[in-house]
PDB file of N, CA and C in Angstrom:
ATOM      1  N   MET A   1    -192.897  60.585  54.121  1.00  0.00           N
ATOM      2  CA  MET A   1    -192.520  59.212  54.420  1.00  0.00           C
ATOM      3  C   MET A   1    -191.474  58.754  53.416  1.00  0.00           C
ATOM      4  N   THR A   2    -190.675  57.821  53.847  1.00  0.00           N
ATOM      5  CA  THR A   2    -189.592  57.296  53.028  1.00  0.00           C
ATOM      6  C   THR A   2    -189.867  55.823  52.740  1.00  0.00           C
ATOM      7  N   VAL A   3    -189.487  55.383  51.556  1.00  0.00           N
ATOM      8  CA  VAL A   3    -189.617  53.973  51.190  1.00  0.00           C
ATOM      9  C   VAL A   3    -188.278  53.289  51.455  1.00  0.00           C
ATOM     10  N   PHE A   4    -188.346  52.086  51.994  1.00  0.00           N
ATOM     11  CA  PHE A   4    -187.156  51.295  52.292  1.00  0.00           C
ATOM     12  C   PHE A   4    -187.307  49.896  51.710  1.00  0.00           C
ATOM     13  N   ALA A   5    -186.236  49.418  51.091  1.00  0.00           N
ATOM     14  CA  ALA A   5    -186.153  48.018  50.673  1.00  0.00           C
ATOM     15  C   ALA A   5    -185.416  47.278  51.788  1.00  0.00           C
ATOM     16  N   VAL A   6    -186.011  46.207  52.277  1.00  0.00           N
ATOM     17  CA  VAL A   6    -185.426  45.425  53.361  1.00  0.00           C
ATOM     18  C   VAL A   6    -185.150  44.031  52.827  1.00  0.00           C
ATOM     19  N   GLU A   7    -183.927  43.594  53.011  1.00  0.00           N
ATOM     20  CA  GLU A   7    -183.566  42.245  52.587  1.00  0.00           C
ATOM     21  C   GLU A   7    -183.306  41.400  53.829  1.00  0.00           C
ATOM     22  N   TYR A   8    -184.031  40.293  53.916  1.00  0.00           N
ATOM     23  CA  TYR A   8    -183.810  39.317  54.975  1.00  0.00           C
ATOM     24  C   TYR A   8    -182.948  38.204  54.404  1.00  0.00           C
ATOM     25  N   LEU A   9    -181.809  37.951  55.007  1.00  0.00           N
ATOM     26  CA  LEU A   9    -181.001  36.783  54.685  1.00  0.00           C
ATOM     27  C   LEU A   9    -181.270  35.775  55.800  1.00  0.00           C
ATOM     28  N   TYR A  10    -181.828  34.643  55.431  1.00  0.00           N
ATOM     29  CA  TYR A  10    -182.202  33.657  56.432  1.00  0.00           C
ATOM     30  C   TYR A  10    -180.978  32.969  57.034  1.00  0.00           C
ATOM     31  N   ALA A  11    -181.073  32.628  58.298  1.00  0.00           N
ATOM     32  CA  ALA A  11    -180.006  31.908  58.979  1.00  0.00           C
ATOM     33  C   ALA A  11    -179.854  30.514  58.372  1.00  0.00           C
ATOM     34  N   GLU A  12    -178.630  30.040  58.387  1.00  0.00           N
ATOM     35  CA  GLU A  12    -178.344  28.705  57.859  1.00  0.00           C
ATOM     36  C   GLU A  12    -179.156  27.664  58.623  1.00  0.00           C
ATOM     37  N   ASN A  13    -179.678  26.699  57.907  1.00  0.00           N
ATOM     38  CA  ASN A  13    -180.446  25.586  58.489  1.00  0.00           C
ATOM     39  C   ASN A  13    -181.672  26.064  59.273  1.00  0.00           C
ATOM     40  N   SER A  14    -182.318  27.116  58.787  1.00  0.00           N
ATOM     41  CA  SER A  14    -183.474  27.659  59.514  1.00  0.00           C
ATOM     42  C   SER A  14    -184.808  27.332  58.848  1.00  0.00           C
ATOM     43  N   VAL A  15    -184.828  26.428  57.889  1.00  0.00           N
ATOM     44  CA  VAL A  15    -186.058  26.116  57.162  1.00  0.00           C
ATOM     45  C   VAL A  15    -187.158  25.641  58.117  1.00  0.00           C
ATOM     46  N   GLU A  16    -186.849  24.695  58.983  1.00  0.00           N
ATOM     47  CA  GLU A  16    -187.866  24.186  59.916  1.00  0.00           C
ATOM     48  C   GLU A  16    -188.319  25.278  60.877  1.00  0.00           C
ATOM     49  N   LEU A  17    -187.402  26.093  61.346  1.00  0.00           N
ATOM     50  CA  LEU A  17    -187.727  27.190  62.253  1.00  0.00           C
ATOM     51  C   LEU A  17    -188.651  28.197  61.564  1.00  0.00           C
ATOM     52  N   ARG A  18    -188.352  28.515  60.312  1.00  0.00           N
ATOM     53  CA  ARG A  18    -189.203  29.432  59.558  1.00  0.00           C
ATOM     54  C   ARG A  18    -190.571  28.819  59.296  1.00  0.00           C
ATOM     55  N   ASN A  19    -190.603  27.552  58.948  1.00  0.00           N
ATOM     56  CA  ASN A  19    -191.890  26.885  58.731  1.00  0.00           C
ATOM     57  C   ASN A  19    -192.746  26.942  59.991  1.00  0.00           C
ATOM     58  N   GLU A  20    -192.119  26.744  61.132  1.00  0.00           N
ATOM     59  CA  GLU A  20    -192.832  26.753  62.412  1.00  0.00           C
ATOM     60  C   GLU A  20    -193.398  28.145  62.734  1.00  0.00           C
ATOM     61  N   HIS A  21    -192.691  29.195  62.347  1.00  0.00           N
ATOM     62  CA  HIS A  21    -193.072  30.558  62.739  1.00  0.00           C
ATOM     63  C   HIS A  21    -193.593  31.414  61.582  1.00  0.00           C
ATOM     64  N   ARG A  22    -193.774  30.806  60.410  1.00  0.00           N
ATOM     65  CA  ARG A  22    -194.215  31.571  59.230  1.00  0.00           C
ATOM     66  C   ARG A  22    -195.569  32.252  59.443  1.00  0.00           C
ATOM     67  N   ALA A  23    -196.525  31.561  60.020  1.00  0.00           N
ATOM     68  CA  ALA A  23    -197.846  32.163  60.229  1.00  0.00           C
ATOM     69  C   ALA A  23    -197.750  33.381  61.144  1.00  0.00           C
ATOM     70  N   ALA A  24    -196.960  33.286  62.202  1.00  0.00           N
ATOM     71  CA  ALA A  24    -196.788  34.428  63.111  1.00  0.00           C
ATOM     72  C   ALA A  24    -196.077  35.579  62.397  1.00  0.00           C
ATOM     73  N   HIS A  25    -195.080  35.268  61.592  1.00  0.00           N
ATOM     74  CA  HIS A  25    -194.350  36.276  60.818  1.00  0.00           C
ATOM     75  C   HIS A  25    -195.292  36.994  59.855  1.00  0.00           C
ATOM     76  N   ARG A  26    -196.066  36.250  59.106  1.00  0.00           N
ATOM     77  CA  ARG A  26    -196.991  36.866  58.147  1.00  0.00           C
ATOM     78  C   ARG A  26    -198.100  37.637  58.857  1.00  0.00           C
ATOM     79  N   GLY A  27    -198.577  37.117  59.963  1.00  0.00           N
ATOM     80  CA  GLY A  27    -199.582  37.822  60.748  1.00  0.00           C
ATOM     81  C   GLY A  27    -199.038  39.138  61.280  1.00  0.00           C
ATOM     82  N   TYR A  28    -197.796  39.109  61.734  1.00  0.00           N
ATOM     83  CA  TYR A  28    -197.150  40.316  62.245  1.00  0.00           C
ATOM     84  C   TYR A  28    -197.046  41.366  61.141  1.00  0.00           C
ATOM     85  N   LEU A  29    -196.577  40.965  59.971  1.00  0.00           N
ATOM     86  CA  LEU A  29    -196.457  41.913  58.857  1.00  0.00           C
ATOM     87  C   LEU A  29    -197.829  42.451  58.443  1.00  0.00           C
ATOM     88  N   SER A  30    -198.850  41.624  58.530  1.00  0.00           N
ATOM     89  CA  SER A  30    -200.204  42.065  58.177  1.00  0.00           C
ATOM     90  C   SER A  30    -200.685  43.202  59.070  1.00  0.00           C
ATOM     91  N   ASP A  31    -200.142  43.293  60.268  1.00  0.00           N
ATOM     92  CA  ASP A  31    -200.495  44.389  61.170  1.00  0.00           C
ATOM     93  C   ASP A  31    -200.019  45.747  60.645  1.00  0.00           C
ATOM     94  N   PHE A  32    -199.162  45.739  59.621  1.00  0.00           N
ATOM     95  CA  PHE A  32    -198.573  46.972  59.096  1.00  0.00           C
ATOM     96  C   PHE A  32    -199.026  47.273  57.666  1.00  0.00           C
ATOM     97  N   LEU A  33    -200.223  46.840  57.302  1.00  0.00           N
ATOM     98  CA  LEU A  33    -200.732  47.084  55.947  1.00  0.00           C
ATOM     99  C   LEU A  33    -201.383  48.455  55.778  1.00  0.00           C
ATOM    100  N   ASP A  34    -201.652  49.160  56.851  1.00  0.00           N
ATOM    101  CA  ASP A  34    -202.265  50.489  56.791  1.00  0.00           C
ATOM    102  C   ASP A  34    -201.228  51.498  56.303  1.00  0.00           C
ATOM    103  N   THR A  35    -201.388  51.991  55.078  1.00  0.00           N
ATOM    104  CA  THR A  35    -200.390  52.885  54.497  1.00  0.00           C
ATOM    105  C   THR A  35    -200.425  54.292  55.092  1.00  0.00           C
ATOM    106  N   THR A  36    -201.321  54.554  56.031  1.00  0.00           N
ATOM    107  CA  THR A  36    -201.320  55.847  56.715  1.00  0.00           C
ATOM    108  C   THR A  36    -200.595  55.778  58.052  1.00  0.00           C
ATOM    109  N   ALA A  37    -200.121  54.609  58.440  1.00  0.00           N
ATOM    110  CA  ALA A  37    -199.424  54.433  59.714  1.00  0.00           C
ATOM    111  C   ALA A  37    -197.973  54.918  59.607  1.00  0.00           C
ATOM    112  N   ALA A  38    -197.311  55.048  60.750  1.00  0.00           N
ATOM    113  CA  ALA A  38    -195.915  55.507  60.792  1.00  0.00           C
ATOM    114  C   ALA A  38    -194.971  54.541  60.080  1.00  0.00           C
ATOM    115  N   VAL A  39    -195.319  53.258  60.103  1.00  0.00           N
ATOM    116  CA  VAL A  39    -194.569  52.223  59.380  1.00  0.00           C
ATOM    117  C   VAL A  39    -195.596  51.341  58.691  1.00  0.00           C
ATOM    118  N   SER A  40    -195.416  51.100  57.395  1.00  0.00           N
ATOM    119  CA  SER A  40    -196.340  50.206  56.693  1.00  0.00           C
ATOM    120  C   SER A  40    -195.585  49.358  55.689  1.00  0.00           C
ATOM    121  N   VAL A  41    -196.052  48.121  55.529  1.00  0.00           N
ATOM    122  CA  VAL A  41    -195.465  47.216  54.553  1.00  0.00           C
ATOM    123  C   VAL A  41    -196.227  47.404  53.237  1.00  0.00           C
ATOM    124  N   LEU A  42    -195.470  47.615  52.168  1.00  0.00           N
ATOM    125  CA  LEU A  42    -196.063  47.789  50.846  1.00  0.00           C
ATOM    126  C   LEU A  42    -196.059  46.485  50.057  1.00  0.00           C
ATOM    127  N   ALA A  43    -195.069  45.646  50.307  1.00  0.00           N
ATOM    128  CA  ALA A  43    -194.959  44.351  49.627  1.00  0.00           C
ATOM    129  C   ALA A  43    -193.934  43.505  50.386  1.00  0.00           C
ATOM    130  N   SER A  44    -194.082  42.207  50.328  1.00  0.00           N
ATOM    131  CA  SER A  44    -193.080  41.320  50.923  1.00  0.00           C
ATOM    132  C   SER A  44    -193.224  39.932  50.336  1.00  0.00           C
ATOM    133  N   GLY A  45    -192.121  39.201  50.364  1.00  0.00           N
ATOM    134  CA  GLY A  45    -192.165  37.825  49.898  1.00  0.00           C
ATOM    135  C   GLY A  45    -190.783  37.233  49.771  1.00  0.00           C
ATOM    136  N   PRO A  46    -190.726  35.903  49.715  1.00  0.00           N
ATOM    137  CA  PRO A  46    -189.440  35.217  49.608  1.00  0.00           C
ATOM    138  C   PRO A  46    -188.868  35.311  48.200  1.00  0.00           C
ATOM    139  N   CYS A  47    -187.557  35.180  48.119  1.00  0.00           N
ATOM    140  CA  CYS A  47    -186.863  35.076  46.832  1.00  0.00           C
ATOM    141  C   CYS A  47    -186.624  33.578  46.624  1.00  0.00           C
ATOM    142  N   PRO A  48    -187.350  32.949  45.706  1.00  0.00           N
ATOM    143  CA  PRO A  48    -187.325  31.496  45.589  1.00  0.00           C
ATOM    144  C   PRO A  48    -185.959  30.894  45.260  1.00  0.00           C
ATOM    145  N   VAL A  49    -185.123  31.612  44.543  1.00  0.00           N
ATOM    146  CA  VAL A  49    -183.839  31.044  44.139  1.00  0.00           C
ATOM    147  C   VAL A  49    -182.815  31.150  45.263  1.00  0.00           C
ATOM    148  N   ALA A  50    -182.891  32.210  46.054  1.00  0.00           N
ATOM    149  CA  ALA A  50    -181.945  32.423  47.148  1.00  0.00           C
ATOM    150  C   ALA A  50    -182.679  32.254  48.476  1.00  0.00           C
ATOM    151  N   ASP A  51    -181.931  31.982  49.505  1.00  0.00           N
ATOM    152  CA  ASP A  51    -182.528  31.796  50.823  1.00  0.00           C
ATOM    153  C   ASP A  51    -182.651  33.142  51.522  1.00  0.00           C
ATOM    154  N   ARG A  52    -183.526  33.985  50.965  1.00  0.00           N
ATOM    155  CA  ARG A  52    -183.732  35.333  51.480  1.00  0.00           C
ATOM    156  C   ARG A  52    -185.108  35.827  51.113  1.00  0.00           C
ATOM    157  N   ALA A  53    -185.438  37.030  51.566  1.00  0.00           N
ATOM    158  CA  ALA A  53    -186.727  37.634  51.242  1.00  0.00           C
ATOM    159  C   ALA A  53    -186.527  39.131  51.029  1.00  0.00           C
ATOM    160  N   LEU A  54    -187.464  39.725  50.308  1.00  0.00           N
ATOM    161  CA  LEU A  54    -187.452  41.161  50.071  1.00  0.00           C
ATOM    162  C   LEU A  54    -188.749  41.734  50.606  1.00  0.00           C
ATOM    163  N   LEU A  55    -188.630  42.791  51.380  1.00  0.00           N
ATOM    164  CA  LEU A  55    -189.791  43.470  51.957  1.00  0.00           C
ATOM    165  C   LEU A  55    -189.662  44.950  51.620  1.00  0.00           C
ATOM    166  N   ILE A  56    -190.750  45.553  51.210  1.00  0.00           N
ATOM    167  CA  ILE A  56    -190.761  46.982  50.901  1.00  0.00           C
ATOM    168  C   ILE A  56    -191.666  47.671  51.913  1.00  0.00           C
ATOM    169  N   PHE A  57    -191.121  48.647  52.610  1.00  0.00           N
ATOM    170  CA  PHE A  57    -191.847  49.399  53.624  1.00  0.00           C
ATOM    171  C   PHE A  57    -191.834  50.877  53.294  1.00  0.00           C
ATOM    172  N   GLN A  58    -192.779  51.594  53.857  1.00  0.00           N
ATOM    173  CA  GLN A  58    -192.656  53.037  53.946  1.00  0.00           C
ATOM    174  C   GLN A  58    -192.704  53.354  55.433  1.00  0.00           C
ATOM    175  N   ALA A  59    -191.913  54.338  55.837  1.00  0.00           N
ATOM    176  CA  ALA A  59    -191.837  54.662  57.258  1.00  0.00           C
ATOM    177  C   ALA A  59    -191.492  56.127  57.444  1.00  0.00           C
ATOM    178  N   ASP A  60    -191.905  56.643  58.584  1.00  0.00           N
ATOM    179  CA  ASP A  60    -191.551  58.013  58.943  1.00  0.00           C
ATOM    180  C   ASP A  60    -190.054  58.135  59.171  1.00  0.00           C
ATOM    181  N   SER A  61    -189.436  57.052  59.684  1.00  0.00           N
ATOM    182  CA  SER A  61    -187.994  57.077  59.928  1.00  0.00           C
ATOM    183  C   SER A  61    -187.429  55.664  59.876  1.00  0.00           C
ATOM    184  N   GLU A  62    -186.143  55.578  59.613  1.00  0.00           N
ATOM    185  CA  GLU A  62    -185.480  54.275  59.609  1.00  0.00           C
ATOM    186  C   GLU A  62    -185.475  53.672  61.009  1.00  0.00           C
ATOM    187  N   GLU A  63    -185.381  54.500  62.025  1.00  0.00           N
ATOM    188  CA  GLU A  63    -185.384  54.014  63.404  1.00  0.00           C
ATOM    189  C   GLU A  63    -186.706  53.310  63.729  1.00  0.00           C
ATOM    190  N   GLN A  64    -187.821  53.916  63.313  1.00  0.00           N
ATOM    191  CA  GLN A  64    -189.119  53.280  63.550  1.00  0.00           C
ATOM    192  C   GLN A  64    -189.217  51.960  62.802  1.00  0.00           C
ATOM    193  N   LEU A  65    -188.726  51.934  61.576  1.00  0.00           N
ATOM    194  CA  LEU A  65    -188.739  50.702  60.790  1.00  0.00           C
ATOM    195  C   LEU A  65    -187.899  49.630  61.469  1.00  0.00           C
ATOM    196  N   ARG A  66    -186.711  49.983  61.911  1.00  0.00           N
ATOM    197  CA  ARG A  66    -185.837  48.991  62.550  1.00  0.00           C
ATOM    198  C   ARG A  66    -186.474  48.414  63.814  1.00  0.00           C
ATOM    199  N   GLU A  67    -187.235  49.208  64.536  1.00  0.00           N
ATOM    200  CA  GLU A  67    -187.941  48.700  65.714  1.00  0.00           C
ATOM    201  C   GLU A  67    -188.967  47.646  65.306  1.00  0.00           C
ATOM    202  N   VAL A  68    -189.680  47.903  64.211  1.00  0.00           N
ATOM    203  CA  VAL A  68    -190.648  46.930  63.694  1.00  0.00           C
ATOM    204  C   VAL A  68    -189.923  45.645  63.290  1.00  0.00           C
ATOM    205  N   LEU A  69    -188.804  45.776  62.591  1.00  0.00           N
ATOM    206  CA  LEU A  69    -188.056  44.604  62.131  1.00  0.00           C
ATOM    207  C   LEU A  69    -187.496  43.797  63.298  1.00  0.00           C
ATOM    208  N   GLU A  70    -187.064  44.464  64.351  1.00  0.00           N
ATOM    209  CA  GLU A  70    -186.543  43.760  65.528  1.00  0.00           C
ATOM    210  C   GLU A  70    -187.606  42.885  66.171  1.00  0.00           C
ATOM    211  N   ASN A  71    -188.862  43.292  66.066  1.00  0.00           N
ATOM    212  CA  ASN A  71    -189.956  42.549  66.691  1.00  0.00           C
ATOM    213  C   ASN A  71    -190.628  41.537  65.772  1.00  0.00           C
ATOM    214  N   ASP A  72    -190.122  41.390  64.548  1.00  0.00           N
ATOM    215  CA  ASP A  72    -190.646  40.378  63.631  1.00  0.00           C
ATOM    216  C   ASP A  72    -190.388  38.997  64.248  1.00  0.00           C
ATOM    217  N   PRO A  73    -191.406  38.138  64.290  1.00  0.00           N
ATOM    218  CA  PRO A  73    -191.195  36.798  64.858  1.00  0.00           C
ATOM    219  C   PRO A  73    -190.001  36.056  64.254  1.00  0.00           C
ATOM    220  N   PHE A  74    -189.737  36.200  62.969  1.00  0.00           N
ATOM    221  CA  PHE A  74    -188.563  35.540  62.380  1.00  0.00           C
ATOM    222  C   PHE A  74    -187.284  36.022  63.052  1.00  0.00           C
ATOM    223  N   ASN A  75    -187.195  37.300  63.348  1.00  0.00           N
ATOM    224  CA  ASN A  75    -186.013  37.830  64.024  1.00  0.00           C
ATOM    225  C   ASN A  75    -185.969  37.368  65.476  1.00  0.00           C
ATOM    226  N   MET A  76    -187.106  37.368  66.133  1.00  0.00           N
ATOM    227  CA  MET A  76    -187.175  37.012  67.552  1.00  0.00           C
ATOM    228  C   MET A  76    -186.754  35.565  67.823  1.00  0.00           C
ATOM    229  N   VAL A  77    -186.969  34.664  66.850  1.00  0.00           N
ATOM    230  CA  VAL A  77    -186.624  33.248  67.067  1.00  0.00           C
ATOM    231  C   VAL A  77    -185.279  32.865  66.455  1.00  0.00           C
ATOM    232  N   GLY A  78    -184.563  33.834  65.869  1.00  0.00           N
ATOM    233  CA  GLY A  78    -183.240  33.551  65.324  1.00  0.00           C
ATOM    234  C   GLY A  78    -183.228  32.996  63.917  1.00  0.00           C
ATOM    235  N   ALA A  79    -184.298  33.213  63.141  1.00  0.00           N
ATOM    236  CA  ALA A  79    -184.357  32.687  61.776  1.00  0.00           C
ATOM    237  C   ALA A  79    -183.645  33.591  60.763  1.00  0.00           C
ATOM    238  N   LEU A  80    -183.190  34.763  61.210  1.00  0.00           N
ATOM    239  CA  LEU A  80    -182.536  35.701  60.291  1.00  0.00           C
ATOM    240  C   LEU A  80    -181.054  35.830  60.621  1.00  0.00           C
ATOM    241  N   GLU A  81    -180.240  35.714  59.593  1.00  0.00           N
ATOM    242  CA  GLU A  81    -178.800  35.910  59.767  1.00  0.00           C
ATOM    243  C   GLU A  81    -178.448  37.386  59.613  1.00  0.00           C
ATOM    244  N   GLN A  82    -179.135  38.055  58.677  1.00  0.00           N
ATOM    245  CA  GLN A  82    -178.820  39.454  58.397  1.00  0.00           C
ATOM    246  C   GLN A  82    -180.081  40.176  57.933  1.00  0.00           C
ATOM    247  N   VAL A  83    -180.202  41.441  58.313  1.00  0.00           N
ATOM    248  CA  VAL A  83    -181.274  42.306  57.849  1.00  0.00           C
ATOM    249  C   VAL A  83    -180.614  43.541  57.266  1.00  0.00           C
ATOM    250  N   LYS A  84    -180.835  43.768  55.983  1.00  0.00           N
ATOM    251  CA  LYS A  84    -180.237  44.915  55.303  1.00  0.00           C
ATOM    252  C   LYS A  84    -181.351  45.895  54.939  1.00  0.00           C
ATOM    253  N   VAL A  85    -181.215  47.141  55.382  1.00  0.00           N
ATOM    254  CA  VAL A  85    -182.208  48.180  55.128  1.00  0.00           C
ATOM    255  C   VAL A  85    -181.578  49.224  54.211  1.00  0.00           C
ATOM    256  N   THR A  86    -182.261  49.510  53.085  1.00  0.00           N
ATOM    257  CA  THR A  86    -181.766  50.478  52.123  1.00  0.00           C
ATOM    258  C   THR A  86    -182.885  51.445  51.765  1.00  0.00           C
ATOM    259  N   GLU A  87    -182.621  52.743  51.886  1.00  0.00           N
ATOM    260  CA  GLU A  87    -183.596  53.724  51.437  1.00  0.00           C
ATOM    261  C   GLU A  87    -183.743  53.579  49.931  1.00  0.00           C
ATOM    262  N   TRP A  88    -184.994  53.672  49.444  1.00  0.00           N
ATOM    263  CA  TRP A  88    -185.273  53.408  48.031  1.00  0.00           C
ATOM    264  C   TRP A  88    -186.271  54.428  47.522  1.00  0.00           C
ATOM    265  N   ASN A  89    -186.110  54.859  46.298  1.00  0.00           N
ATOM    266  CA  ASN A  89    -187.009  55.828  45.687  1.00  0.00           C
ATOM    267  C   ASN A  89    -187.631  55.218  44.431  1.00  0.00           C
ATOM    268  N   PRO A  90    -188.805  54.587  44.545  1.00  0.00           N
ATOM    269  CA  PRO A  90    -189.440  53.939  43.393  1.00  0.00           C
ATOM    270  C   PRO A  90    -190.052  54.977  42.448  1.00  0.00           C
ATOM    271  N   VAL A  91    -189.372  55.291  41.368  1.00  0.00           N
ATOM    272  CA  VAL A  91    -189.825  56.376  40.472  1.00  0.00           C
ATOM    273  C   VAL A  91    -190.760  55.899  39.371  1.00  0.00           C
ATOM    274  N   THR A  92    -190.818  54.598  39.108  1.00  0.00           N
ATOM    275  CA  THR A  92    -191.767  54.083  38.107  1.00  0.00           C
ATOM    276  C   THR A  92    -192.468  52.863  38.686  1.00  0.00           C
ATOM    277  N   GLY A  93    -193.602  52.543  38.124  1.00  0.00           N
ATOM    278  CA  GLY A  93    -194.330  51.354  38.532  1.00  0.00           C
ATOM    279  C   GLY A  93    -195.327  51.608  39.636  1.00  0.00           C
ATOM    280  N   LEU A  94    -195.924  50.529  40.120  1.00  0.00           N
ATOM    281  CA  LEU A  94    -197.008  50.601  41.087  1.00  0.00           C
ATOM    282  C   LEU A  94    -196.621  51.275  42.400  1.00  0.00           C
ATOM    283  N   LEU A  95    -195.376  51.139  42.805  1.00  0.00           N
ATOM    284  CA  LEU A  95    -194.947  51.712  44.093  1.00  0.00           C
ATOM    285  C   LEU A  95    -194.494  53.159  43.971  1.00  0.00           C
ATOM    286  N   SER A  96    -194.480  53.707  42.761  1.00  0.00           N
ATOM    287  CA  SER A  96    -194.004  55.084  42.578  1.00  0.00           C
ATOM    288  C   SER A  96    -194.864  56.103  43.320  1.00  0.00           C
ATOM    289  N   GLN A  97    -196.105  55.761  43.610  1.00  0.00           N
ATOM    290  CA  GLN A  97    -196.971  56.674  44.363  1.00  0.00           C
ATOM    291  C   GLN A  97    -196.463  56.921  45.781  1.00  0.00           C
ATOM    292  N   PHE A  98    -195.559  56.061  46.249  1.00  0.00           N
ATOM    293  CA  PHE A  98    -195.008  56.191  47.598  1.00  0.00           C
ATOM    294  C   PHE A  98    -193.647  56.878  47.618  1.00  0.00           C
ATOM    295  N   ALA A  99    -193.131  57.265  46.443  1.00  0.00           N
ATOM    296  CA  ALA A  99    -191.823  57.913  46.357  1.00  0.00           C
ATOM    297  C   ALA A  99    -191.829  59.226  47.118  1.00  0.00           C
ATOM    298  N   SER A 100    -190.672  59.547  47.665  1.00  0.00           N
ATOM    299  CA  SER A 100    -190.578  60.796  48.420  1.00  0.00           C
ATOM    300  C   SER A 100    -190.258  61.982  47.527  1.00  0.00           C
TER     301      SER A 100
END
């Protein structure tokens, strides 16, 4: 499995939209907490200073991960301006156990 850092850049003026759909977004991500699944979320959360969020996933493939991201409620309602996916190799710290 490969670890990916995903950056969500929120759409301009989407605060109310995100507030409305936050519970569905978090519930959706919670469906991917099983680290033995083909795609799993290892960590996620907003970046308080910038209007974005960072999500760390492990996945069998980037294609499978992108399918999960496309179905995120935040993406489905237009709350995201950009989604950036970067392969990442966490060599130290708590997530290093997931390094490839």
